[in-house]
Amino acid sequence: MEAFRFESWLWLLVLPIVVGCVWWRSQRRIRPSAIFSSIADLRSIPVTSMQRFRRLLPIVYGVGLCLIVLGLARPQSGKSESRIRGEGIAIELVLDVSGSMDALDFQLKGEDVSRLTAVKHVINEFIQGSRSLGLAGRKDDLVGTIAFGGFADSKCPLTLDHGALVDIVKGLEIPKRIRDRQGRVINEETLKEELATAIGDGVALGVDRLRDSKAKSKVLVLLTDGDNNAGTVDPREAASIAKELGIKIHTIGIGRNGVVPMPQEDEYGRRVLVPVQFRIDEDLLREMAEQTGGTYFNASDSEGLSKVYSQIDQLEKSQFEEFKYSQYSELFHWFALIGLGLILLVNILLETRFRSLP
């Protein structure tokens, strides 16, 4: 949250003294240098704009002094430092970004979209809230994200900064072919590994991230559309470790089994749709969920995801605390320079244009 503060705020106590001194000095009667019997005839002389401006010089001088005092108080702008307390749970979202997540068997607003696009959309509604799905949002929950294909990668630690988390989820992409200037694919070997599905590695990394959380209730939500065909950790072994640590796993099978249209590149780099046979290992996902006390859902549309999140809403709450820090920018030089400039301007005008004879 944007904020403004004075780091050395005790200097602000000097302001009333400065204002009082400037007012007293402006009201002090000056002994006249020459005495006349009457100045009645001089009252009819019109007052010029420069004479009116001269009357403002004490005010300008006082404003300059006040700005210097404000500068000494070290004004700073930035984002506020805050301590957040609340009741919530720790949730780790483990998302499949393997090649099969590019299949086009979901719809959003009447348009065909990939499985990953649909998952991003529903996760955003789950975290931020959605009236249409009856989701209030997870404002009091620590949420983190793991993405996995052939390899697992922690994208966002457990946090209450859900805006940053949603931005990270929106930025998730399925690995693509990289071509050189001649159109040759230069990442063919590594791409095959990246497009695989290492469910066990993803769950193991998610469990590791939840291990140190102080939340009493810890939940891992696994979203995948395939079966485990890569990685070094067996999914059942990862689920067993989660059970020992008291972590509940909800598993979601994304999409449907059978033939699904899949975008692919032809030899010329053009995007074409090809029918591809897919299989979700529902037995594995169901076993992982039941082993940890969670639930398995098949999500051929967004309703399956909303059911999972409704289940999470019923979990036991626990107290947590998180600190947020941010840097502040010093503004004292602006106040001090403007204040000195006003004082210097008044002194120059009094010694030149408005100089008076003794």
Protein backbone atom coordinates (compact mmCIF):
# COMPACT_ATOMS: atom_id res chain seq x y z
CA MET A 1 0.00 0.00 0.00
CA GLU A 2 1.37 3.42 -0.94
CA ALA A 3 2.29 5.48 2.11
CA PHE A 4 3.96 8.70 3.27
CA ARG A 5 5.79 9.16 6.53
CA PHE A 6 8.23 11.37 8.46
CA GLU A 7 11.17 9.31 9.75
CA SER A 8 12.31 12.02 12.24
CA TRP A 9 8.84 13.27 13.12
CA LEU A 10 9.92 15.07 16.34
CA TRP A 11 11.09 17.95 14.16
CA LEU A 12 7.42 18.60 13.40
CA LEU A 13 7.08 19.93 16.95
CA VAL A 14 9.19 22.90 15.88
CA LEU A 15 6.64 24.00 13.27
CA PRO A 16 4.29 25.84 15.69
CA ILE A 17 7.29 27.75 17.06
CA VAL A 18 8.40 28.77 13.57
CA VAL A 19 4.88 29.86 12.59
CA GLY A 20 4.51 31.83 15.82
CA CYS A 21 7.84 33.63 15.36
CA VAL A 22 7.03 34.57 11.76
CA TRP A 23 3.61 35.90 12.78
CA TRP A 24 5.07 37.90 15.70
CA ARG A 25 7.76 39.40 13.47
CA SER A 26 5.19 40.39 10.82
CA GLN A 27 3.03 42.12 13.47
CA ARG A 28 5.88 43.99 15.14
CA ARG A 29 5.58 47.76 14.78
CA ILE A 30 8.60 49.41 13.16
CA ARG A 31 9.63 52.89 14.38
CA PRO A 32 9.07 55.39 11.53
CA SER A 33 12.13 57.09 10.05
CA ALA A 34 10.24 60.31 9.24
CA ILE A 35 7.25 61.92 10.95
CA PHE A 36 4.53 63.79 9.04
CA SER A 37 1.71 65.88 10.41
CA SER A 38 -0.83 64.06 8.24
CA ILE A 39 -0.85 61.31 5.60
CA ALA A 40 -4.55 61.65 4.73
CA ASP A 41 -3.73 62.83 1.21
CA LEU A 42 -1.57 59.74 0.62
CA ARG A 43 -4.49 57.36 1.20
CA SER A 44 -6.00 58.21 -2.17
CA ILE A 45 -2.90 56.94 -3.99
CA PRO A 46 -3.75 53.52 -5.55
CA VAL A 47 -1.97 50.45 -4.22
CA THR A 48 0.14 48.74 -6.90
CA SER A 49 0.39 44.99 -7.45
CA MET A 50 4.03 45.03 -6.35
CA GLN A 51 3.01 46.65 -3.06
CA ARG A 52 0.46 43.92 -2.52
CA PHE A 53 3.10 41.30 -3.33
CA ARG A 54 5.50 42.84 -0.81
CA ARG A 55 2.97 42.19 1.95
CA LEU A 56 3.19 38.48 1.10
CA LEU A 57 6.96 38.32 1.61
CA PRO A 58 6.72 37.42 5.33
CA ILE A 59 4.33 34.61 4.45
CA VAL A 60 6.70 33.33 1.72
CA TYR A 61 9.59 33.55 4.19
CA GLY A 62 7.58 31.59 6.77
CA VAL A 63 6.64 28.91 4.20
CA GLY A 64 10.33 28.54 3.36
CA LEU A 65 11.24 28.03 7.02
CA CYS A 66 8.44 25.48 7.44
CA LEU A 67 9.64 23.53 4.40
CA ILE A 68 13.15 23.36 5.85
CA VAL A 69 11.75 22.03 9.12
CA LEU A 70 9.71 19.45 7.18
CA GLY A 71 12.89 18.46 5.37
CA LEU A 72 14.67 17.94 8.71
CA ALA A 73 11.79 15.60 9.65
CA ARG A 74 12.90 13.37 6.72
CA PRO A 75 9.73 12.91 4.66
CA GLN A 76 9.66 9.57 2.83
CA SER A 77 7.35 7.97 0.29
CA GLY A 78 6.98 4.32 -0.59
CA LYS A 79 4.98 1.30 0.44
CA SER A 80 3.98 0.85 4.02
CA GLU A 81 5.59 -1.67 6.33
CA SER A 82 2.93 -3.82 7.90
CA ARG A 83 2.33 -6.90 9.98
CA ILE A 84 -0.53 -9.10 8.85
CA ARG A 85 -2.32 -11.49 11.14
CA GLY A 86 -5.24 -13.72 10.29
CA GLU A 87 -6.82 -17.13 10.32
CA GLY A 88 -6.04 -19.35 7.36
CA ILE A 89 -4.42 -22.45 5.98
CA ALA A 90 -1.36 -23.17 3.87
CA ILE A 91 -2.14 -24.24 0.31
CA GLU A 92 0.39 -25.39 -2.28
CA LEU A 93 -0.89 -25.45 -5.86
CA VAL A 94 1.03 -28.05 -7.90
CA LEU A 95 0.24 -27.37 -11.57
CA ASP A 96 0.96 -29.54 -14.59
CA VAL A 97 2.56 -27.58 -17.47
CA SER A 98 3.51 -30.59 -19.58
CA GLY A 99 2.84 -30.73 -23.32
CA SER A 100 -0.58 -32.36 -22.93
CA MET A 101 -1.88 -29.26 -21.13
CA ASP A 102 -1.97 -27.60 -24.55
CA ALA A 103 -4.92 -29.77 -25.61
CA LEU A 104 -8.03 -27.80 -26.64
CA ASP A 105 -10.93 -29.44 -24.80
CA PHE A 106 -12.00 -26.55 -22.53
CA GLN A 107 -14.11 -23.51 -23.25
CA LEU A 108 -14.12 -20.01 -21.80
CA LYS A 109 -16.76 -17.52 -22.87
CA GLY A 110 -17.71 -19.73 -25.80
CA GLU A 111 -14.15 -20.07 -27.14
CA ASP A 112 -11.98 -23.19 -27.23
CA VAL A 113 -8.97 -22.79 -24.95
CA SER A 114 -6.18 -25.02 -23.73
CA ARG A 115 -6.35 -26.89 -20.47
CA LEU A 116 -3.64 -24.66 -18.99
CA THR A 117 -5.55 -21.50 -19.92
CA ALA A 118 -8.68 -22.84 -18.21
CA VAL A 119 -6.70 -23.77 -15.11
CA LYS A 120 -5.17 -20.28 -14.91
CA HIS A 121 -8.63 -18.72 -15.15
CA VAL A 122 -10.18 -20.84 -12.40
CA ILE A 123 -7.16 -20.49 -10.09
CA ASN A 124 -7.43 -16.72 -10.41
CA GLU A 125 -11.11 -16.92 -9.37
CA PHE A 126 -10.28 -19.30 -6.54
CA ILE A 127 -7.64 -16.98 -5.07
CA GLN A 128 -9.26 -13.62 -5.80
CA GLY A 129 -12.89 -14.73 -5.43
CA SER A 130 -15.77 -15.25 -7.86
CA ARG A 131 -19.47 -14.54 -7.38
CA SER A 132 -20.46 -16.80 -10.26
CA LEU A 133 -18.70 -19.78 -8.65
CA GLY A 134 -19.59 -18.80 -5.11
CA LEU A 135 -15.93 -18.40 -4.11
CA ALA A 136 -15.09 -15.78 -1.50
CA GLY A 137 -11.36 -15.81 -2.25
CA ARG A 138 -8.44 -16.97 -0.11
CA LYS A 139 -7.40 -13.62 1.38
CA ASP A 140 -6.43 -15.17 4.73
CA ASP A 141 -4.58 -18.19 3.31
CA LEU A 142 -0.91 -18.66 2.54
CA VAL A 143 -0.74 -19.89 -1.05
CA GLY A 144 2.26 -21.06 -3.09
CA THR A 145 2.75 -22.51 -6.56
CA ILE A 146 4.79 -25.38 -8.03
CA ALA A 147 4.89 -25.96 -11.79
CA PHE A 148 6.03 -29.27 -13.26
CA GLY A 149 6.45 -30.91 -16.60
CA GLY A 150 9.45 -33.18 -16.93
CA PHE A 151 11.00 -31.17 -14.08
CA ALA A 152 9.46 -29.55 -11.00
CA ASP A 153 10.09 -25.88 -10.24
CA SER A 154 8.93 -23.68 -7.35
CA LYS A 155 7.37 -20.59 -8.93
CA CYS A 156 6.10 -18.79 -5.83
CA PRO A 157 6.67 -19.46 -2.10
CA LEU A 158 3.79 -19.52 0.37
CA THR A 159 2.61 -15.94 0.58
CA LEU A 160 -0.27 -13.59 1.34
CA ASP A 161 0.67 -11.42 -1.62
CA HIS A 162 -1.96 -13.00 -3.82
CA GLY A 163 -1.69 -10.32 -6.50
CA ALA A 164 1.91 -11.34 -7.20
CA LEU A 165 0.94 -15.02 -7.07
CA VAL A 166 -1.83 -14.57 -9.65
CA ASP A 167 0.58 -12.71 -11.95
CA ILE A 168 3.04 -15.60 -11.70
CA VAL A 169 0.34 -18.17 -12.50
CA LYS A 170 -0.79 -16.10 -15.49
CA GLY A 171 2.79 -16.16 -16.77
CA LEU A 172 3.11 -19.96 -16.76
CA GLU A 173 3.72 -21.35 -20.24
CA ILE A 174 4.14 -24.76 -21.82
CA PRO A 175 7.68 -25.22 -23.23
CA LYS A 176 7.86 -24.54 -26.97
CA ARG A 177 10.27 -25.28 -29.78
CA ILE A 178 13.05 -22.73 -30.21
CA ARG A 179 14.25 -22.17 -33.76
CA ASP A 180 17.38 -20.49 -35.07
CA ARG A 181 17.46 -18.06 -37.98
CA GLN A 182 17.46 -20.93 -40.45
CA GLY A 183 14.30 -22.37 -38.87
CA ARG A 184 16.03 -25.34 -37.27
CA VAL A 185 14.83 -26.51 -33.84
CA ILE A 186 17.72 -26.11 -31.37
CA ASN A 187 16.07 -27.51 -28.23
CA GLU A 188 14.68 -30.77 -29.58
CA GLU A 189 16.38 -33.03 -27.01
CA THR A 190 15.64 -30.96 -23.90
CA LEU A 191 12.10 -30.21 -25.11
CA LYS A 192 11.13 -33.88 -24.96
CA GLU A 193 12.13 -33.99 -21.30
CA GLU A 194 10.39 -30.70 -20.47
CA LEU A 195 7.11 -31.83 -22.07
CA ALA A 196 6.96 -35.04 -20.00
CA THR A 197 4.94 -35.41 -16.77
CA ALA A 198 6.84 -35.83 -13.48
CA ILE A 199 3.93 -35.97 -11.03
CA GLY A 200 6.03 -37.45 -8.22
CA ASP A 201 8.69 -34.73 -8.42
CA GLY A 202 6.04 -31.98 -8.40
CA VAL A 203 4.27 -33.38 -5.36
CA ALA A 204 7.56 -34.00 -3.52
CA LEU A 205 8.63 -30.39 -4.04
CA GLY A 206 5.22 -29.13 -2.91
CA VAL A 207 5.42 -31.26 0.24
CA ASP A 208 8.89 -29.87 0.95
CA ARG A 209 7.57 -26.30 0.68
CA LEU A 210 4.71 -27.06 3.08
CA ARG A 211 6.94 -28.89 5.55
CA ASP A 212 8.20 -25.74 7.33
CA SER A 213 4.88 -23.87 7.34
CA LYS A 214 3.53 -23.07 10.82
CA ALA A 215 -0.07 -23.45 9.67
CA LYS A 216 -1.89 -26.26 11.42
CA SER A 217 -3.79 -27.22 8.26
CA LYS A 218 -1.67 -27.88 5.16
CA VAL A 219 -3.16 -28.73 1.80
CA LEU A 220 -1.60 -29.65 -1.53
CA VAL A 221 -3.79 -29.36 -4.63
CA LEU A 222 -2.44 -31.37 -7.57
CA LEU A 223 -3.76 -30.53 -11.04
CA THR A 224 -2.65 -32.80 -13.87
CA ASP A 225 -3.98 -34.29 -17.09
CA GLY A 226 -1.70 -37.28 -17.55
CA ASP A 227 0.08 -40.17 -15.97
CA ASN A 228 3.53 -40.15 -14.38
CA ASN A 229 6.15 -40.80 -17.09
CA ALA A 230 9.21 -38.86 -15.87
CA GLY A 231 11.06 -37.73 -12.76
CA THR A 232 12.91 -39.53 -9.97
CA VAL A 233 10.26 -39.65 -7.22
CA ASP A 234 7.41 -42.15 -7.31
CA PRO A 235 4.05 -40.35 -6.82
CA ARG A 236 2.90 -42.89 -4.23
CA GLU A 237 6.10 -42.39 -2.25
CA ALA A 238 5.58 -38.61 -2.33
CA ALA A 239 2.01 -39.11 -1.08
CA SER A 240 3.29 -41.33 1.71
CA ILE A 241 5.67 -38.61 2.89
CA ALA A 242 2.82 -36.08 2.74
CA LYS A 243 0.71 -38.33 4.95
CA GLU A 244 3.50 -38.59 7.53
CA LEU A 245 3.75 -34.80 7.65
CA GLY A 246 -0.01 -34.34 8.01
CA ILE A 247 -0.42 -32.81 4.55
CA LYS A 248 -3.70 -33.49 2.76
CA ILE A 249 -3.57 -33.92 -1.02
CA HIS A 250 -6.52 -33.11 -3.27
CA THR A 251 -5.99 -34.39 -6.80
CA ILE A 252 -7.71 -33.11 -9.91
CA GLY A 253 -7.68 -34.86 -13.28
CA ILE A 254 -7.85 -32.09 -15.89
CA GLY A 255 -9.63 -32.79 -19.19
CA ARG A 256 -11.09 -36.00 -20.50
CA ASN A 257 -9.80 -39.37 -21.63
CA GLY A 258 -9.90 -40.16 -25.31
CA VAL A 259 -9.12 -38.29 -28.51
CA VAL A 260 -8.63 -34.54 -28.06
CA PRO A 261 -7.56 -31.87 -30.60
CA MET A 262 -3.95 -30.87 -29.98
CA PRO A 263 -2.12 -27.90 -31.56
CA GLN A 264 1.22 -28.87 -33.06
CA GLU A 265 3.80 -27.38 -35.40
CA ASP A 266 4.37 -28.85 -38.82
CA GLU A 267 7.77 -28.95 -40.51
CA TYR A 268 7.34 -25.34 -41.61
CA GLY A 269 6.57 -24.06 -38.11
CA ARG A 270 2.85 -23.59 -38.81
CA ARG A 271 0.27 -24.33 -36.10
CA VAL A 272 -2.07 -27.22 -36.98
CA LEU A 273 -4.62 -29.23 -34.97
CA VAL A 274 -3.98 -32.94 -34.66
CA PRO A 275 -6.24 -35.50 -32.89
CA VAL A 276 -4.27 -37.09 -30.02
CA GLN A 277 -5.24 -39.92 -27.66
CA PHE A 278 -4.97 -38.97 -23.97
CA ARG A 279 -5.19 -41.01 -20.79
CA ILE A 280 -5.48 -39.70 -17.24
CA ASP A 281 -4.19 -42.12 -14.61
CA GLU A 282 -7.25 -41.70 -12.40
CA ASP A 283 -6.39 -44.72 -10.29
CA LEU A 284 -3.09 -43.14 -9.28
CA LEU A 285 -4.66 -39.76 -8.50
CA ARG A 286 -7.47 -41.36 -6.52
CA GLU A 287 -5.00 -43.47 -4.53
CA MET A 288 -2.81 -40.44 -3.69
CA ALA A 289 -5.83 -38.47 -2.46
CA GLU A 290 -7.29 -41.29 -0.38
CA GLN A 291 -3.88 -42.07 1.15
CA THR A 292 -3.66 -38.55 2.63
CA GLY A 293 -7.33 -38.03 3.47
CA GLY A 294 -7.99 -35.86 0.45
CA THR A 295 -10.42 -36.11 -2.46
CA TYR A 296 -10.04 -36.90 -6.15
CA PHE A 297 -11.99 -34.86 -8.71
CA ASN A 298 -12.26 -35.17 -12.44
CA ALA A 299 -12.48 -31.66 -13.86
CA SER A 300 -13.68 -31.65 -17.42
CA ASP A 301 -14.88 -28.10 -16.72
CA SER A 302 -14.47 -25.45 -14.02
CA GLU A 303 -17.09 -27.05 -11.77
CA GLY A 304 -14.65 -29.78 -10.76
CA LEU A 305 -12.18 -27.18 -9.54
CA SER A 306 -14.82 -25.26 -7.60
CA LYS A 307 -15.78 -28.46 -5.75
CA VAL A 308 -12.20 -28.87 -4.57
CA TYR A 309 -12.06 -25.32 -3.27
CA SER A 310 -15.39 -25.71 -1.49
CA GLN A 311 -13.85 -28.70 0.26
CA ILE A 312 -10.83 -26.60 1.27
CA ASP A 313 -13.12 -23.95 2.78
CA GLN A 314 -14.24 -26.51 5.37
CA LEU A 315 -10.73 -27.25 6.64
CA GLU A 316 -9.62 -26.24 10.12
CA LYS A 317 -8.20 -22.73 10.37
CA SER A 318 -4.93 -21.84 12.06
CA GLN A 319 -3.34 -18.54 13.05
CA PHE A 320 -0.41 -17.19 11.10
CA GLU A 321 1.56 -14.00 10.86
CA GLU A 322 3.49 -12.48 7.96
CA PHE A 323 5.61 -9.35 7.74
CA LYS A 324 5.75 -7.16 4.65
CA TYR A 325 8.60 -4.74 4.05
CA SER A 326 9.32 -2.27 1.31
CA GLN A 327 11.78 0.50 0.62
CA TYR A 328 11.05 4.19 1.13
CA SER A 329 12.44 7.04 -0.97
CA GLU A 330 13.87 10.11 0.79
CA LEU A 331 12.15 13.40 -0.11
CA PHE A 332 13.96 15.73 2.32
CA HIS A 333 16.10 17.36 -0.40
CA TRP A 334 12.99 18.57 -2.26
CA PHE A 335 11.57 20.21 0.86
CA ALA A 336 14.94 21.67 1.88
CA LEU A 337 15.83 23.02 -1.57
CA ILE A 338 12.43 24.63 -2.13
CA GLY A 339 12.51 26.11 1.39
CA LEU A 340 16.00 27.55 0.94
CA GLY A 341 14.99 28.86 -2.47
CA LEU A 342 12.01 30.76 -1.02
CA ILE A 343 14.11 32.28 1.78
CA LEU A 344 16.82 33.30 -0.68
CA LEU A 345 14.19 34.83 -2.99
CA VAL A 346 12.74 36.94 -0.17
CA ASN A 347 16.18 38.19 0.90
CA ILE A 348 17.12 39.11 -2.69
CA LEU A 349 13.84 41.01 -3.19
CA LEU A 350 14.28 42.89 0.09
CA GLU A 351 17.80 43.93 -0.94
CA THR A 352 16.81 44.93 -4.48
CA ARG A 353 13.28 45.63 -5.68
CA PHE A 354 11.75 46.16 -2.23
CA ARG A 355 14.69 47.71 -0.47
CA SER A 356 13.58 50.51 1.87
CA LEU A 357 15.50 53.50 3.17
CA PRO A 358 16.30 53.61 6.91
